[in-house]
Amino acid sequence: MLRVHRVVSLTFAAILSLAAVAGAQQGMPPLPKPGPEHAVLAADAGTWDAVVETWMAPGQPPMTSKAVETNTLINGMYLISDFKGDFGGMPFQGHGLTWWDAASKTYKGIWVDNMSPAPMNGSSTYDAASKTFKGEMTGPDMTGALQTMRSETVQKSDGTRVMTMFMKGPDGKDMQTMKVTYTKKP
């Protein structure tokens, strides 16, 4: 059965390739190419060690854990992130997709993990002068209630990057809930 599936997949890929060549010959628009906005995504490609600090309540010390994030750039345009670590002694695994949306002039993203009931969708901007992404993600919390989180990711001059996440606290004010410091592996 696996062999039949592989033959069908290869045949389908060959048909798509031939259609693309034929379409290009008939005046079809060229495939999209990365632009300057994609260079920021390319900088995140690779494998990163991560130190994760999580605050469960205001004024409490953070829980600290370690993780590894592996980022792959597809066609120079889409960053796929695989994040593996632990959270409170339990295995944690997350998967993200980030891309530049030319229509909205923002970076878009989607995130799923093994502790969330559904995907989170996000949008962010990038300031080249400060090397900072600022954005929001919306999705369900562990109880299923809809929540919006704000994040800032700063690319530091030493090659590290720091992502800080904020949520509304009991008083309605932003509360830091997470800080992840990434160090790129050689």
Protein backbone atom coordinates (compact mmCIF):
# COMPACT_ATOMS: atom_id res chain seq x y z
CA MET A 1 0.00 0.00 0.00
CA LEU A 2 2.86 2.37 0.86
CA ARG A 3 4.41 1.73 -2.54
CA VAL A 4 1.14 2.53 -4.33
CA HIS A 5 0.83 5.73 -2.29
CA ARG A 6 4.40 6.70 -3.19
CA VAL A 7 3.81 6.04 -6.93
CA VAL A 8 0.59 8.10 -6.85
CA SER A 9 2.38 10.93 -4.99
CA LEU A 10 5.29 10.97 -7.46
CA THR A 11 2.89 10.90 -10.41
CA PHE A 12 0.92 13.81 -8.95
CA ALA A 13 4.14 15.79 -8.37
CA ALA A 14 5.24 15.15 -11.97
CA ILE A 15 1.87 16.33 -13.32
CA LEU A 16 2.08 19.50 -11.20
CA SER A 17 5.61 20.16 -12.46
CA LEU A 18 4.57 19.72 -16.07
CA ALA A 19 1.55 21.97 -15.52
CA ALA A 20 3.78 24.65 -14.00
CA VAL A 21 6.16 24.52 -16.96
CA ALA A 22 3.27 24.59 -19.43
CA GLY A 23 1.64 27.45 -17.52
CA ALA A 24 4.87 29.45 -17.52
CA GLN A 25 5.12 28.98 -21.27
CA GLN A 26 1.54 30.25 -21.70
CA GLY A 27 2.09 33.51 -19.84
CA MET A 28 1.22 32.42 -16.30
CA PRO A 29 2.62 34.71 -13.61
CA PRO A 30 5.92 33.58 -12.08
CA LEU A 31 6.02 31.83 -8.74
CA PRO A 32 6.34 34.18 -5.74
CA LYS A 33 9.85 35.06 -4.63
CA PRO A 34 11.16 36.22 -1.26
CA GLY A 35 11.42 39.97 -0.76
CA PRO A 36 13.29 42.08 1.79
CA GLU A 37 10.65 41.35 4.46
CA HIS A 38 11.57 37.68 4.31
CA ALA A 39 15.20 38.31 5.35
CA VAL A 40 13.97 38.69 8.93
CA LEU A 41 12.49 35.20 8.77
CA ALA A 42 15.68 33.80 7.24
CA ALA A 43 17.66 35.09 10.25
CA ASP A 44 15.61 32.79 12.51
CA ALA A 45 16.29 29.64 10.47
CA GLY A 46 18.37 27.04 12.30
CA THR A 47 18.39 25.33 15.68
CA TRP A 48 18.10 27.35 18.88
CA ASP A 49 18.54 26.43 22.54
CA ALA A 50 15.83 28.09 24.62
CA VAL A 51 15.56 29.01 28.29
CA VAL A 52 11.88 29.42 29.15
CA GLU A 53 10.72 31.42 32.17
CA THR A 54 6.99 31.22 32.95
CA TRP A 55 5.10 33.25 35.56
CA MET A 56 1.88 31.65 36.78
CA ALA A 57 0.80 34.55 39.01
CA PRO A 58 1.86 38.16 39.60
CA GLY A 59 4.66 38.49 42.14
CA GLN A 60 5.57 34.80 42.01
CA PRO A 61 9.00 33.56 40.89
CA PRO A 62 9.07 32.05 37.39
CA MET A 63 9.23 28.37 36.58
CA THR A 64 12.31 27.79 34.41
CA SER A 65 12.83 25.08 31.82
CA LYS A 66 14.90 24.37 28.75
CA ALA A 67 13.81 23.62 25.21
CA VAL A 68 15.04 23.42 21.63
CA GLU A 69 13.47 25.21 18.68
CA THR A 70 14.26 24.14 15.13
CA ASN A 71 13.24 26.60 12.40
CA THR A 72 13.13 25.71 8.73
CA LEU A 73 12.67 28.27 5.96
CA ILE A 74 10.55 27.01 3.06
CA ASN A 75 11.12 28.66 -0.35
CA GLY A 76 12.68 31.61 1.49
CA MET A 77 9.17 32.72 2.47
CA TYR A 78 7.66 30.56 5.22
CA LEU A 79 9.27 29.83 8.58
CA ILE A 80 8.22 26.54 10.16
CA SER A 81 9.06 26.22 13.86
CA ASP A 82 9.23 23.04 15.91
CA PHE A 83 9.57 23.63 19.65
CA LYS A 84 10.28 20.81 22.13
CA GLY A 85 10.82 21.08 25.86
CA ASP A 86 8.92 20.67 29.09
CA PHE A 87 6.38 22.71 31.00
CA GLY A 88 6.05 22.04 34.71
CA GLY A 89 7.73 18.66 34.30
CA MET A 90 5.44 17.58 31.45
CA PRO A 91 6.57 17.20 27.83
CA PHE A 92 5.74 20.23 25.70
CA GLN A 93 5.72 20.33 21.91
CA GLY A 94 4.64 23.22 19.70
CA HIS A 95 4.58 23.92 16.00
CA GLY A 96 4.37 27.32 14.30
CA LEU A 97 4.18 28.82 10.84
CA THR A 98 5.17 32.45 10.19
CA TRP A 99 5.01 34.39 6.93
CA TRP A 100 4.95 37.92 5.50
CA ASP A 101 1.49 38.98 4.37
CA ALA A 102 2.01 41.59 1.65
CA ALA A 103 -1.69 42.53 1.59
CA SER A 104 -1.79 43.58 5.26
CA LYS A 105 1.91 44.54 5.44
CA THR A 106 2.27 42.42 8.59
CA TYR A 107 3.78 39.11 9.58
CA LYS A 108 1.14 36.45 10.20
CA GLY A 109 1.46 33.31 12.24
CA ILE A 110 -0.33 30.28 13.52
CA TRP A 111 0.69 28.23 16.55
CA VAL A 112 -0.42 24.84 17.87
CA ASP A 113 0.86 22.87 20.84
CA ASN A 114 0.01 19.83 22.91
CA MET A 115 -1.41 21.90 25.79
CA SER A 116 -3.82 24.11 23.84
CA PRO A 117 -7.30 23.07 22.71
CA ALA A 118 -7.07 24.85 19.32
CA PRO A 119 -4.67 26.89 17.15
CA MET A 120 -3.72 30.48 17.95
CA ASN A 121 -3.58 33.07 15.17
CA GLY A 122 -1.30 36.07 15.27
CA SER A 123 -0.22 39.21 13.52
CA SER A 124 2.88 41.32 14.14
CA THR A 125 4.96 44.17 12.82
CA TYR A 126 8.74 44.45 12.66
CA ASP A 127 10.79 47.54 13.45
CA ALA A 128 14.18 47.22 11.74
CA ALA A 129 15.78 50.02 13.79
CA SER A 130 15.16 48.23 17.12
CA LYS A 131 15.12 44.73 15.57
CA THR A 132 11.83 44.09 17.35
CA PHE A 133 8.69 42.19 16.44
CA LYS A 134 5.54 43.39 18.25
CA GLY A 135 2.30 41.53 17.89
CA GLU A 136 -0.73 39.77 19.28
CA MET A 137 -1.99 36.20 19.19
CA THR A 138 -5.58 35.17 19.82
CA GLY A 139 -6.85 31.73 20.67
CA PRO A 140 -8.26 29.58 23.44
CA ASP A 141 -6.55 29.11 26.77
CA MET A 142 -6.35 25.73 28.51
CA THR A 143 -10.00 26.07 29.60
CA GLY A 144 -11.18 26.93 26.07
CA ALA A 145 -11.87 30.61 26.86
CA LEU A 146 -10.73 33.02 24.12
CA GLN A 147 -7.68 35.08 25.08
CA THR A 148 -5.38 37.59 23.43
CA MET A 149 -1.69 37.71 24.25
CA ARG A 150 0.77 40.43 23.35
CA SER A 151 4.38 39.60 22.52
CA GLU A 152 7.64 41.32 21.77
CA THR A 153 10.63 39.56 20.24
CA VAL A 154 13.95 41.41 20.20
CA GLN A 155 16.90 40.26 18.12
CA LYS A 156 19.95 41.10 20.23
CA SER A 157 23.34 42.19 18.89
CA ASP A 158 24.99 39.12 20.46
CA GLY A 159 22.93 36.83 18.18
CA THR A 160 20.37 35.84 20.81
CA ARG A 161 16.71 36.71 20.63
CA VAL A 162 14.30 37.24 23.48
CA MET A 163 10.55 36.74 23.21
CA THR A 164 8.44 38.20 26.03
CA MET A 165 4.72 37.44 26.29
CA PHE A 166 2.07 39.40 28.18
CA MET A 167 -1.55 38.64 29.13
CA LYS A 168 -4.15 40.62 30.99
CA GLY A 169 -3.81 40.07 34.72
CA PRO A 170 -6.60 39.96 37.29
CA ASP A 171 -6.49 43.78 37.48
CA GLY A 172 -6.90 44.11 33.69
CA LYS A 173 -3.31 45.32 33.19
CA ASP A 174 -0.68 43.58 31.10
CA MET A 175 1.23 40.97 33.09
CA GLN A 176 4.42 39.28 31.88
CA THR A 177 3.67 35.57 31.65
CA MET A 178 6.61 34.21 29.68
CA LYS A 179 10.12 35.05 28.59
CA VAL A 180 12.07 32.82 26.21
CA THR A 181 15.75 33.51 25.58
CA TYR A 182 17.04 31.82 22.44
CA THR A 183 20.69 31.11 21.65
CA LYS A 184 21.47 29.83 18.16
CA LYS A 185 23.43 26.60 17.93
CA PRO A 186 26.52 26.71 15.70
